[in-house]
């Protein structure tokens, strides 16, 4: 079924939602709570970085950009999931599915590239501290953030255009909560091996390439840190990277499991759970990881909340 033979209003039906009404209510409440906490956590980080002059540094500029991307990333699918839970028909049009995939995969890829930019920032800060202000200028930071988003969306657009040019020979039922690559590719009935390889190449560019940059940066960081004679100095250097490393492991663990594998290895129920982890779990944990392991942000957030509380009571 090629594009010219399809109606853009053709609908896919999602089969991943629970059918039991009581379970649906619990699912709705759980997703709503997680989404509210995600938005609040990332907005607090953005407000803290924006209002505190001490945080106007490259590291926090990247952290703020990561929070903004993750707010948009979750907004692409979570409101649609919540709306579908309340509707008897869990459907999406072909055009809506393609659009959702473009922005979901594009912003997810931008997330990966931003983590690579943050790793480069830590590499320059630890390995070239004297040149750090000269290298990590505001202009370079803006260029890296814009490049991350543009490259992510460009790769996603190419991938989604390729997937939706393939023939779908099965019933238009998606064993998932939203339009993602593995469940949609499972509907394709063309020569699967060739198409799987094409999807794997795109996934490798979006996931494995930035991960390689991150591991390279941290290899140089490790060498530089081990040369520090002071135990306190080594601890300080590691502590500045620990939050970022934790987020990288969470993000890339889920992405590698979902996208860097053959289409034949497809387990709908397991994939649905993993998708909730990287759609809700990772964006929810990221603000907690960065604030709980960063005394500076914790102190600033505490002061911001105290000022807001006192302002409301005056």
C-alpha atoms as a PDB file:
ATOM      1  CA  UNK A   1       0.000   0.000   0.000  1.00  0.00           C
ATOM      2  CA  UNK A   2       1.976   3.047  -1.252  1.00  0.00           C
ATOM      3  CA  UNK A   3       1.359   6.648  -0.260  1.00  0.00           C
ATOM      4  CA  UNK A   4      -0.671   7.367  -3.412  1.00  0.00           C
ATOM      5  CA  UNK A   5      -3.077   4.538  -2.524  1.00  0.00           C
ATOM      6  CA  UNK A   6      -3.522   5.557   1.100  1.00  0.00           C
ATOM      7  CA  UNK A   7      -5.803   8.131   2.580  1.00  0.00           C
ATOM      8  CA  UNK A   8      -4.086  10.511   4.990  1.00  0.00           C
ATOM      9  CA  UNK A   9      -7.183  10.048   7.155  1.00  0.00           C
ATOM     10  CA  UNK A  10      -6.706   6.280   7.321  1.00  0.00           C
ATOM     11  CA  UNK A  11      -6.670   5.288  10.985  1.00  0.00           C
ATOM     12  CA  UNK A  12      -4.482   3.044  13.096  1.00  0.00           C
ATOM     13  CA  UNK A  13      -5.957   1.435  16.212  1.00  0.00           C
ATOM     14  CA  UNK A  14      -3.862   1.197  19.396  1.00  0.00           C
ATOM     15  CA  UNK A  15      -4.166  -2.133  21.214  1.00  0.00           C
ATOM     16  CA  UNK A  16      -1.791  -1.447  24.114  1.00  0.00           C
ATOM     17  CA  UNK A  17      -4.356   0.169  26.411  1.00  0.00           C
ATOM     18  CA  UNK A  18      -6.009  -1.824  29.211  1.00  0.00           C
ATOM     19  CA  UNK A  19      -9.601  -2.858  28.548  1.00  0.00           C
ATOM     20  CA  UNK A  20     -10.684  -3.058  32.200  1.00  0.00           C
ATOM     21  CA  UNK A  21     -12.319   0.274  33.257  1.00  0.00           C
ATOM     22  CA  UNK A  22     -10.802   0.197  36.772  1.00  0.00           C
ATOM     23  CA  UNK A  23      -7.329  -0.438  35.366  1.00  0.00           C
ATOM     24  CA  UNK A  24      -7.877   2.393  32.859  1.00  0.00           C
ATOM     25  CA  UNK A  25      -8.635   4.808  35.697  1.00  0.00           C
ATOM     26  CA  UNK A  26      -5.500   3.762  37.593  1.00  0.00           C
ATOM     27  CA  UNK A  27      -3.443   4.021  34.398  1.00  0.00           C
ATOM     28  CA  UNK A  28      -4.845   7.507  33.722  1.00  0.00           C
ATOM     29  CA  UNK A  29      -4.102   8.687  37.267  1.00  0.00           C
ATOM     30  CA  UNK A  30      -0.570   7.231  37.205  1.00  0.00           C
ATOM     31  CA  UNK A  31       0.318   8.776  33.836  1.00  0.00           C
ATOM     32  CA  UNK A  32      -1.246  12.126  34.855  1.00  0.00           C
ATOM     33  CA  UNK A  33       0.744  12.216  38.093  1.00  0.00           C
ATOM     34  CA  UNK A  34       3.999  11.330  36.352  1.00  0.00           C
ATOM     35  CA  UNK A  35       3.402  13.936  33.620  1.00  0.00           C
ATOM     36  CA  UNK A  36       2.605  16.650  36.181  1.00  0.00           C
ATOM     37  CA  UNK A  37       5.811  15.881  38.092  1.00  0.00           C
ATOM     38  CA  UNK A  38       7.823  15.900  34.850  1.00  0.00           C
ATOM     39  CA  UNK A  39       6.544  19.339  33.842  1.00  0.00           C
ATOM     40  CA  UNK A  40       6.998  20.767  37.363  1.00  0.00           C
ATOM     41  CA  UNK A  41      10.522  19.345  37.730  1.00  0.00           C
ATOM     42  CA  UNK A  42      11.795  20.663  34.408  1.00  0.00           C
ATOM     43  CA  UNK A  43      10.068  24.041  34.785  1.00  0.00           C
ATOM     44  CA  UNK A  44      11.695  24.464  38.219  1.00  0.00           C
ATOM     45  CA  UNK A  45      15.117  23.771  36.685  1.00  0.00           C
ATOM     46  CA  UNK A  46      14.458  26.304  33.886  1.00  0.00           C
ATOM     47  CA  UNK A  47      13.284  28.944  36.395  1.00  0.00           C
ATOM     48  CA  UNK A  48      16.292  28.374  38.657  1.00  0.00           C
ATOM     49  CA  UNK A  49      18.751  28.674  35.760  1.00  0.00           C
ATOM     50  CA  UNK A  50      17.000  31.723  34.340  1.00  0.00           C
ATOM     51  CA  UNK A  51      16.733  33.651  37.630  1.00  0.00           C
ATOM     52  CA  UNK A  52      20.118  32.832  39.180  1.00  0.00           C
ATOM     53  CA  UNK A  53      23.051  34.657  37.572  1.00  0.00           C
ATOM     54  CA  UNK A  54      25.554  32.128  38.995  1.00  0.00           C
ATOM     55  CA  UNK A  55      23.989  29.433  36.822  1.00  0.00           C
ATOM     56  CA  UNK A  56      24.519  31.331  33.576  1.00  0.00           C
ATOM     57  CA  UNK A  57      27.322  28.967  32.560  1.00  0.00           C
ATOM     58  CA  UNK A  58      27.637  26.506  29.652  1.00  0.00           C
ATOM     59  CA  UNK A  59      26.932  23.464  31.848  1.00  0.00           C
ATOM     60  CA  UNK A  60      23.637  24.889  33.102  1.00  0.00           C
ATOM     61  CA  UNK A  61      22.761  26.309  29.684  1.00  0.00           C
ATOM     62  CA  UNK A  62      22.905  22.746  28.330  1.00  0.00           C
ATOM     63  CA  UNK A  63      20.945  21.466  31.340  1.00  0.00           C
ATOM     64  CA  UNK A  64      18.228  24.061  30.718  1.00  0.00           C
ATOM     65  CA  UNK A  65      18.132  23.153  27.026  1.00  0.00           C
ATOM     66  CA  UNK A  66      17.822  19.470  27.949  1.00  0.00           C
ATOM     67  CA  UNK A  67      14.876  20.290  30.223  1.00  0.00           C
ATOM     68  CA  UNK A  68      13.160  22.302  27.468  1.00  0.00           C
ATOM     69  CA  UNK A  69      13.623  19.461  24.964  1.00  0.00           C
ATOM     70  CA  UNK A  70      12.268  16.895  27.441  1.00  0.00           C
ATOM     71  CA  UNK A  71       9.171  19.025  28.126  1.00  0.00           C
ATOM     72  CA  UNK A  72       8.468  19.067  24.369  1.00  0.00           C
ATOM     73  CA  UNK A  73       9.416  15.384  24.011  1.00  0.00           C
ATOM     74  CA  UNK A  74       6.861  14.212  26.574  1.00  0.00           C
ATOM     75  CA  UNK A  75       4.228  16.669  25.275  1.00  0.00           C
ATOM     76  CA  UNK A  76       4.324  14.913  21.885  1.00  0.00           C
ATOM     77  CA  UNK A  77       2.880  11.638  23.230  1.00  0.00           C
ATOM     78  CA  UNK A  78       1.664  11.895  26.842  1.00  0.00           C
ATOM     79  CA  UNK A  79      -1.400  14.160  26.276  1.00  0.00           C
ATOM     80  CA  UNK A  80      -2.403  11.865  23.406  1.00  0.00           C
ATOM     81  CA  UNK A  81      -2.030   8.814  25.678  1.00  0.00           C
ATOM     82  CA  UNK A  82      -4.210  10.481  28.337  1.00  0.00           C
ATOM     83  CA  UNK A  83      -6.874  11.403  25.762  1.00  0.00           C
ATOM     84  CA  UNK A  84      -6.914   7.865  24.369  1.00  0.00           C
ATOM     85  CA  UNK A  85      -7.358   6.329  27.820  1.00  0.00           C
ATOM     86  CA  UNK A  86     -10.642   8.260  28.174  1.00  0.00           C
ATOM     87  CA  UNK A  87     -11.896   7.458  24.671  1.00  0.00           C
ATOM     88  CA  UNK A  88     -13.623   4.214  23.648  1.00  0.00           C
ATOM     89  CA  UNK A  89     -11.815   4.249  20.291  1.00  0.00           C
ATOM     90  CA  UNK A  90      -8.020   4.454  20.635  1.00  0.00           C
ATOM     91  CA  UNK A  91      -7.177   5.639  17.122  1.00  0.00           C
ATOM     92  CA  UNK A  92      -4.852   7.961  15.219  1.00  0.00           C
ATOM     93  CA  UNK A  93      -4.810   8.955  11.547  1.00  0.00           C
ATOM     94  CA  UNK A  94      -1.921   7.975   9.290  1.00  0.00           C
ATOM     95  CA  UNK A  95      -0.829  11.627   9.031  1.00  0.00           C
ATOM     96  CA  UNK A  96      -1.138  12.060  12.797  1.00  0.00           C
ATOM     97  CA  UNK A  97       0.907   8.907  13.396  1.00  0.00           C
ATOM     98  CA  UNK A  98       3.675  10.053  11.028  1.00  0.00           C
ATOM     99  CA  UNK A  99       3.736  13.531  12.617  1.00  0.00           C
ATOM    100  CA  UNK A 100       3.881  12.077  16.131  1.00  0.00           C
ATOM    101  CA  UNK A 101       6.775   9.813  15.146  1.00  0.00           C
ATOM    102  CA  UNK A 102       8.730  12.665  13.532  1.00  0.00           C
ATOM    103  CA  UNK A 103       8.660  14.826  16.652  1.00  0.00           C
ATOM    104  CA  UNK A 104       8.944  11.983  19.171  1.00  0.00           C
ATOM    105  CA  UNK A 105      11.988  10.408  17.492  1.00  0.00           C
ATOM    106  CA  UNK A 106      13.433  13.797  16.512  1.00  0.00           C
ATOM    107  CA  UNK A 107      13.297  15.247  20.022  1.00  0.00           C
ATOM    108  CA  UNK A 108      14.485  11.946  21.496  1.00  0.00           C
ATOM    109  CA  UNK A 109      17.476  12.072  19.129  1.00  0.00           C
ATOM    110  CA  UNK A 110      18.070  15.723  20.061  1.00  0.00           C
ATOM    111  CA  UNK A 111      18.161  14.558  23.689  1.00  0.00           C
ATOM    112  CA  UNK A 112      20.937  12.114  22.792  1.00  0.00           C
ATOM    113  CA  UNK A 113      22.962  14.751  20.920  1.00  0.00           C
ATOM    114  CA  UNK A 114      22.527  17.218  23.790  1.00  0.00           C
ATOM    115  CA  UNK A 115      23.931  14.633  26.201  1.00  0.00           C
ATOM    116  CA  UNK A 116      26.930  14.346  23.865  1.00  0.00           C
ATOM    117  CA  UNK A 117      27.333  18.157  23.916  1.00  0.00           C
ATOM    118  CA  UNK A 118      27.198  18.079  27.733  1.00  0.00           C
ATOM    119  CA  UNK A 119      29.899  15.395  27.766  1.00  0.00           C
ATOM    120  CA  UNK A 120      32.081  17.600  25.538  1.00  0.00           C
ATOM    121  CA  UNK A 121      31.501  20.512  27.928  1.00  0.00           C
ATOM    122  CA  UNK A 122      32.707  18.373  30.874  1.00  0.00           C
ATOM    123  CA  UNK A 123      35.702  17.206  28.821  1.00  0.00           C
ATOM    124  CA  UNK A 124      36.797  20.790  28.108  1.00  0.00           C
ATOM    125  CA  UNK A 125      36.161  21.854  31.730  1.00  0.00           C
ATOM    126  CA  UNK A 126      38.287  19.041  33.205  1.00  0.00           C
ATOM    127  CA  UNK A 127      40.928  18.457  30.539  1.00  0.00           C
ATOM    128  CA  UNK A 128      41.422  22.087  29.395  1.00  0.00           C
ATOM    129  CA  UNK A 129      40.322  24.258  32.340  1.00  0.00           C
ATOM    130  CA  UNK A 130      42.402  27.298  31.366  1.00  0.00           C
ATOM    131  CA  UNK A 131      40.990  27.389  27.831  1.00  0.00           C
ATOM    132  CA  UNK A 132      37.428  26.574  28.982  1.00  0.00           C
ATOM    133  CA  UNK A 133      36.068  30.177  28.882  1.00  0.00           C
ATOM    134  CA  UNK A 134      37.597  30.680  25.444  1.00  0.00           C
ATOM    135  CA  UNK A 135      36.298  27.419  23.965  1.00  0.00           C
ATOM    136  CA  UNK A 136      32.839  27.115  25.544  1.00  0.00           C
ATOM    137  CA  UNK A 137      31.463  30.481  24.490  1.00  0.00           C
ATOM    138  CA  UNK A 138      27.747  31.290  24.441  1.00  0.00           C
ATOM    139  CA  UNK A 139      27.847  31.243  20.639  1.00  0.00           C
ATOM    140  CA  UNK A 140      29.261  27.706  20.577  1.00  0.00           C
ATOM    141  CA  UNK A 141      26.690  26.542  23.157  1.00  0.00           C
ATOM    142  CA  UNK A 142      23.819  27.954  21.071  1.00  0.00           C
ATOM    143  CA  UNK A 143      25.246  26.337  17.920  1.00  0.00           C
ATOM    144  CA  UNK A 144      25.528  22.952  19.666  1.00  0.00           C
ATOM    145  CA  UNK A 145      21.940  23.102  20.982  1.00  0.00           C
ATOM    146  CA  UNK A 146      20.488  24.190  17.639  1.00  0.00           C
ATOM    147  CA  UNK A 147      22.549  21.567  15.804  1.00  0.00           C
ATOM    148  CA  UNK A 148      21.310  18.858  18.201  1.00  0.00           C
ATOM    149  CA  UNK A 149      17.664  19.705  17.528  1.00  0.00           C
ATOM    150  CA  UNK A 150      18.084  20.192  13.764  1.00  0.00           C
ATOM    151  CA  UNK A 151      20.086  16.982  13.262  1.00  0.00           C
ATOM    152  CA  UNK A 152      17.639  15.016  15.436  1.00  0.00           C
ATOM    153  CA  UNK A 153      14.595  16.256  13.502  1.00  0.00           C
ATOM    154  CA  UNK A 154      16.354  15.796  10.137  1.00  0.00           C
ATOM    155  CA  UNK A 155      17.261  12.164  10.894  1.00  0.00           C
ATOM    156  CA  UNK A 156      13.759  11.537  12.215  1.00  0.00           C
ATOM    157  CA  UNK A 157      12.126  13.042   9.110  1.00  0.00           C
ATOM    158  CA  UNK A 158      14.213  10.808   6.835  1.00  0.00           C
ATOM    159  CA  UNK A 159      13.446   7.708   8.900  1.00  0.00           C
ATOM    160  CA  UNK A 160       9.690   8.331   9.158  1.00  0.00           C
ATOM    161  CA  UNK A 161       9.394   9.187   5.443  1.00  0.00           C
ATOM    162  CA  UNK A 162      11.132   5.896   4.671  1.00  0.00           C
ATOM    163  CA  UNK A 163       8.938   3.831   7.035  1.00  0.00           C
ATOM    164  CA  UNK A 164       5.675   5.293   5.730  1.00  0.00           C
ATOM    165  CA  UNK A 165       6.716   4.696   2.117  1.00  0.00           C
ATOM    166  CA  UNK A 166       6.675   0.944   2.827  1.00  0.00           C
ATOM    167  CA  UNK A 167       3.623  -1.255   2.249  1.00  0.00           C
ATOM    168  CA  UNK A 168       1.521  -2.169   5.296  1.00  0.00           C
ATOM    169  CA  UNK A 169      -0.042  -5.551   4.672  1.00  0.00           C
ATOM    170  CA  UNK A 170      -1.372  -6.380   8.132  1.00  0.00           C
ATOM    171  CA  UNK A 171      -4.432  -5.065   9.911  1.00  0.00           C
ATOM    172  CA  UNK A 172      -3.837  -1.444  10.934  1.00  0.00           C
ATOM    173  CA  UNK A 173      -3.570  -2.322  14.636  1.00  0.00           C
ATOM    174  CA  UNK A 174      -0.592  -1.073  16.636  1.00  0.00           C
ATOM    175  CA  UNK A 175       0.332  -3.080  19.746  1.00  0.00           C
ATOM    176  CA  UNK A 176       1.398   0.035  21.613  1.00  0.00           C
ATOM    177  CA  UNK A 177       0.277   3.272  23.329  1.00  0.00           C
ATOM    178  CA  UNK A 178       1.560   5.592  20.585  1.00  0.00           C
ATOM    179  CA  UNK A 179       3.338   5.544  17.217  1.00  0.00           C
ATOM    180  CA  UNK A 180       6.903   4.323  17.668  1.00  0.00           C
ATOM    181  CA  UNK A 181       9.316   2.653  15.267  1.00  0.00           C
ATOM    182  CA  UNK A 182       9.216  -1.038  16.403  1.00  0.00           C
ATOM    183  CA  UNK A 183       5.402  -1.455  16.519  1.00  0.00           C
ATOM    184  CA  UNK A 184       4.861   0.437  13.244  1.00  0.00           C
ATOM    185  CA  UNK A 185       7.649  -1.495  11.497  1.00  0.00           C
ATOM    186  CA  UNK A 186       5.901  -4.668  12.643  1.00  0.00           C
ATOM    187  CA  UNK A 187       3.042  -3.780  10.252  1.00  0.00           C
ATOM    188  CA  UNK A 188       5.356  -3.689   7.228  1.00  0.00           C
ATOM    189  CA  UNK A 189       5.200  -6.700   4.918  1.00  0.00           C
ATOM    190  CA  UNK A 190       7.915  -5.815   2.376  1.00  0.00           C
ATOM    191  CA  UNK A 191      11.407  -7.375   2.272  1.00  0.00           C
ATOM    192  CA  UNK A 192      11.977  -6.962   5.979  1.00  0.00           C
ATOM    193  CA  UNK A 193      15.745  -7.597   6.063  1.00  0.00           C
ATOM    194  CA  UNK A 194      16.623  -4.685   3.774  1.00  0.00           C
ATOM    195  CA  UNK A 195      14.278  -2.336   5.576  1.00  0.00           C
ATOM    196  CA  UNK A 196      15.481  -3.465   8.996  1.00  0.00           C
ATOM    197  CA  UNK A 197      19.045  -2.627   7.981  1.00  0.00           C
ATOM    198  CA  UNK A 198      17.975   0.846   6.838  1.00  0.00           C
ATOM    199  CA  UNK A 199      16.194   1.502  10.130  1.00  0.00           C
ATOM    200  CA  UNK A 200      19.189   0.201  12.091  1.00  0.00           C
ATOM    201  CA  UNK A 201      21.511   2.576  10.201  1.00  0.00           C
ATOM    202  CA  UNK A 202      19.282   5.546  11.072  1.00  0.00           C
ATOM    203  CA  UNK A 203      19.038   4.404  14.703  1.00  0.00           C
ATOM    204  CA  UNK A 204      22.811   3.992  14.852  1.00  0.00           C
ATOM    205  CA  UNK A 205      23.337   7.576  13.661  1.00  0.00           C
ATOM    206  CA  UNK A 206      20.846   8.918  16.219  1.00  0.00           C
ATOM    207  CA  UNK A 207      21.824   6.733  19.189  1.00  0.00           C
ATOM    208  CA  UNK A 208      25.202   5.046  18.777  1.00  0.00           C
ATOM    209  CA  UNK A 209      27.040   8.013  17.207  1.00  0.00           C
ATOM    210  CA  UNK A 210      26.436  10.436  20.121  1.00  0.00           C
ATOM    211  CA  UNK A 211      27.077   7.597  22.581  1.00  0.00           C
ATOM    212  CA  UNK A 212      30.486   7.075  20.949  1.00  0.00           C
ATOM    213  CA  UNK A 213      31.228  10.807  21.397  1.00  0.00           C
ATOM    214  CA  UNK A 214      30.196  10.569  25.057  1.00  0.00           C
ATOM    215  CA  UNK A 215      32.369   7.528  25.773  1.00  0.00           C
ATOM    216  CA  UNK A 216      35.322   9.165  23.987  1.00  0.00           C
ATOM    217  CA  UNK A 217      34.916  12.339  26.057  1.00  0.00           C
ATOM    218  CA  UNK A 218      34.744  10.366  29.290  1.00  0.00           C
ATOM    219  CA  UNK A 219      37.766   8.275  28.345  1.00  0.00           C
ATOM    220  CA  UNK A 220      39.820  11.495  28.134  1.00  0.00           C
ATOM    221  CA  UNK A 221      38.191  12.750  31.351  1.00  0.00           C
ATOM    222  CA  UNK A 222      39.119   9.532  33.159  1.00  0.00           C
ATOM    223  CA  UNK A 223      42.745   9.828  32.072  1.00  0.00           C
ATOM    224  CA  UNK A 224      42.872  13.474  33.200  1.00  0.00           C
ATOM    225  CA  UNK A 225      41.215  12.732  36.562  1.00  0.00           C
ATOM    226  CA  UNK A 226      43.587   9.868  37.350  1.00  0.00           C
ATOM    227  CA  UNK A 227      46.495  12.290  36.905  1.00  0.00           C
ATOM    228  CA  UNK A 228      45.132  14.496  39.705  1.00  0.00           C
ATOM    229  CA  UNK A 229      47.186  13.779  42.854  1.00  0.00           C
ATOM    230  CA  UNK A 230      44.679  15.210  45.337  1.00  0.00           C
ATOM    231  CA  UNK A 231      41.894  12.850  46.430  1.00  0.00           C
ATOM    232  CA  UNK A 232      39.621  15.856  46.977  1.00  0.00           C
ATOM    233  CA  UNK A 233      40.352  17.079  43.457  1.00  0.00           C
ATOM    234  CA  UNK A 234      39.530  13.680  41.961  1.00  0.00           C
ATOM    235  CA  UNK A 235      36.298  13.516  43.972  1.00  0.00           C
ATOM    236  CA  UNK A 236      35.261  16.992  42.802  1.00  0.00           C
ATOM    237  CA  UNK A 237      35.982  16.151  39.164  1.00  0.00           C
ATOM    238  CA  UNK A 238      34.006  12.909  39.359  1.00  0.00           C
ATOM    239  CA  UNK A 239      31.103  14.549  41.192  1.00  0.00           C
ATOM    240  CA  UNK A 240      30.605  17.067  38.364  1.00  0.00           C
ATOM    241  CA  UNK A 241      30.181  14.171  35.921  1.00  0.00           C
ATOM    242  CA  UNK A 242      28.247  11.641  38.000  1.00  0.00           C
ATOM    243  CA  UNK A 243      24.782  13.131  37.380  1.00  0.00           C
ATOM    244  CA  UNK A 244      25.388  13.315  33.660  1.00  0.00           C
ATOM    245  CA  UNK A 245      26.689   9.739  33.533  1.00  0.00           C
ATOM    246  CA  UNK A 246      23.618   8.453  35.389  1.00  0.00           C
ATOM    247  CA  UNK A 247      21.284  10.160  32.916  1.00  0.00           C
ATOM    248  CA  UNK A 248      23.323   8.833  29.966  1.00  0.00           C
ATOM    249  CA  UNK A 249      23.030   5.250  31.223  1.00  0.00           C
ATOM    250  CA  UNK A 250      19.259   5.584  31.708  1.00  0.00           C
ATOM    251  CA  UNK A 251      18.693   7.205  28.313  1.00  0.00           C
ATOM    252  CA  UNK A 252      20.936   5.005  26.227  1.00  0.00           C
ATOM    253  CA  UNK A 253      20.008   1.770  27.966  1.00  0.00           C
ATOM    254  CA  UNK A 254      16.365   2.154  26.929  1.00  0.00           C
ATOM    255  CA  UNK A 255      17.154   3.530  23.455  1.00  0.00           C
ATOM    256  CA  UNK A 256      19.610   0.750  22.638  1.00  0.00           C
ATOM    257  CA  UNK A 257      17.112  -1.912  23.745  1.00  0.00           C
ATOM    258  CA  UNK A 258      14.294  -0.444  21.634  1.00  0.00           C
ATOM    259  CA  UNK A 259      16.022   0.687  18.455  1.00  0.00           C
ATOM    260  CA  UNK A 260      19.343  -1.150  18.048  1.00  0.00           C
ATOM    261  CA  UNK A 261      17.872  -4.583  17.422  1.00  0.00           C
ATOM    262  CA  UNK A 262      16.289  -6.537  14.519  1.00  0.00           C
ATOM    263  CA  UNK A 263      12.564  -6.176  13.883  1.00  0.00           C
ATOM    264  CA  UNK A 264      12.167  -9.931  14.396  1.00  0.00           C
ATOM    265  CA  UNK A 265      12.970  -9.484  18.116  1.00  0.00           C
ATOM    266  CA  UNK A 266       9.672  -7.875  19.037  1.00  0.00           C
ATOM    267  CA  UNK A 267       7.764  -8.468  22.272  1.00  0.00           C
ATOM    268  CA  UNK A 268       4.746  -6.099  22.445  1.00  0.00           C
ATOM    269  CA  UNK A 269       4.103  -6.255  26.211  1.00  0.00           C
ATOM    270  CA  UNK A 270       7.775  -5.876  27.095  1.00  0.00           C
ATOM    271  CA  UNK A 271       8.172  -3.005  24.620  1.00  0.00           C
ATOM    272  CA  UNK A 272       5.141  -1.236  26.055  1.00  0.00           C
ATOM    273  CA  UNK A 273       6.704  -1.289  29.519  1.00  0.00           C
ATOM    274  CA  UNK A 274      10.093  -0.085  28.230  1.00  0.00           C
ATOM    275  CA  UNK A 275       8.369   2.701  26.278  1.00  0.00           C
ATOM    276  CA  UNK A 276       6.762   3.961  29.497  1.00  0.00           C
ATOM    277  CA  UNK A 277      10.206   3.971  31.122  1.00  0.00           C
ATOM    278  CA  UNK A 278      11.804   6.233  28.498  1.00  0.00           C
ATOM    279  CA  UNK A 279       8.662   8.310  27.896  1.00  0.00           C
ATOM    280  CA  UNK A 280       7.799   8.959  31.552  1.00  0.00           C
ATOM    281  CA  UNK A 281      10.456   7.399  33.788  1.00  0.00           C
ATOM    282  CA  UNK A 282      13.606   8.962  32.328  1.00  0.00           C
ATOM    283  CA  UNK A 283      12.192  12.523  31.989  1.00  0.00           C
ATOM    284  CA  UNK A 284      10.849  12.196  35.550  1.00  0.00           C
ATOM    285  CA  UNK A 285      14.148  10.984  37.006  1.00  0.00           C
ATOM    286  CA  UNK A 286      16.409  13.457  35.175  1.00  0.00           C
ATOM    287  CA  UNK A 287      15.418  16.545  37.237  1.00  0.00           C
ATOM    288  CA  UNK A 288      15.701  14.487  40.429  1.00  0.00           C
ATOM    289  CA  UNK A 289      19.151  13.204  39.478  1.00  0.00           C
ATOM    290  CA  UNK A 290      20.467  16.660  38.571  1.00  0.00           C
ATOM    291  CA  UNK A 291      19.006  18.380  41.648  1.00  0.00           C
ATOM    292  CA  UNK A 292      19.653  15.716  44.299  1.00  0.00           C
ATOM    293  CA  UNK A 293      23.277  15.361  43.232  1.00  0.00           C
ATOM    294  CA  UNK A 294      23.846  19.108  42.817  1.00  0.00           C
ATOM    295  CA  UNK A 295      23.902  21.122  46.038  1.00  0.00           C
ATOM    296  CA  UNK A 296      24.016  24.405  44.100  1.00  0.00           C
ATOM    297  CA  UNK A 297      20.718  23.749  42.296  1.00  0.00           C
ATOM    298  CA  UNK A 298      19.138  22.368  45.476  1.00  0.00           C
ATOM    299  CA  UNK A 299      20.010  25.554  47.350  1.00  0.00           C
ATOM    300  CA  UNK A 300      18.732  27.813  44.573  1.00  0.00           C
ATOM    301  CA  UNK A 301      15.481  25.861  44.174  1.00  0.00           C
ATOM    302  CA  UNK A 302      14.974  26.027  47.946  1.00  0.00           C
ATOM    303  CA  UNK A 303      15.412  29.818  47.916  1.00  0.00           C
ATOM    304  CA  UNK A 304      13.087  30.190  44.900  1.00  0.00           C
ATOM    305  CA  UNK A 305      10.351  28.139  46.576  1.00  0.00           C
ATOM    306  CA  UNK A 306      10.801  30.033  49.859  1.00  0.00           C
ATOM    307  CA  UNK A 307      10.542  33.419  48.098  1.00  0.00           C
ATOM    308  CA  UNK A 308       7.427  32.261  46.249  1.00  0.00           C
ATOM    309  CA  UNK A 309       5.847  31.005  49.492  1.00  0.00           C
ATOM    310  CA  UNK A 310       6.591  34.282  51.328  1.00  0.00           C
ATOM    311  CA  UNK A 311       5.286  36.330  48.375  1.00  0.00           C
ATOM    312  CA  UNK A 312       1.978  34.432  48.382  1.00  0.00           C
ATOM    313  CA  UNK A 313       1.546  34.921  52.130  1.00  0.00           C
ATOM    314  CA  UNK A 314       2.192  38.673  52.046  1.00  0.00           C
END
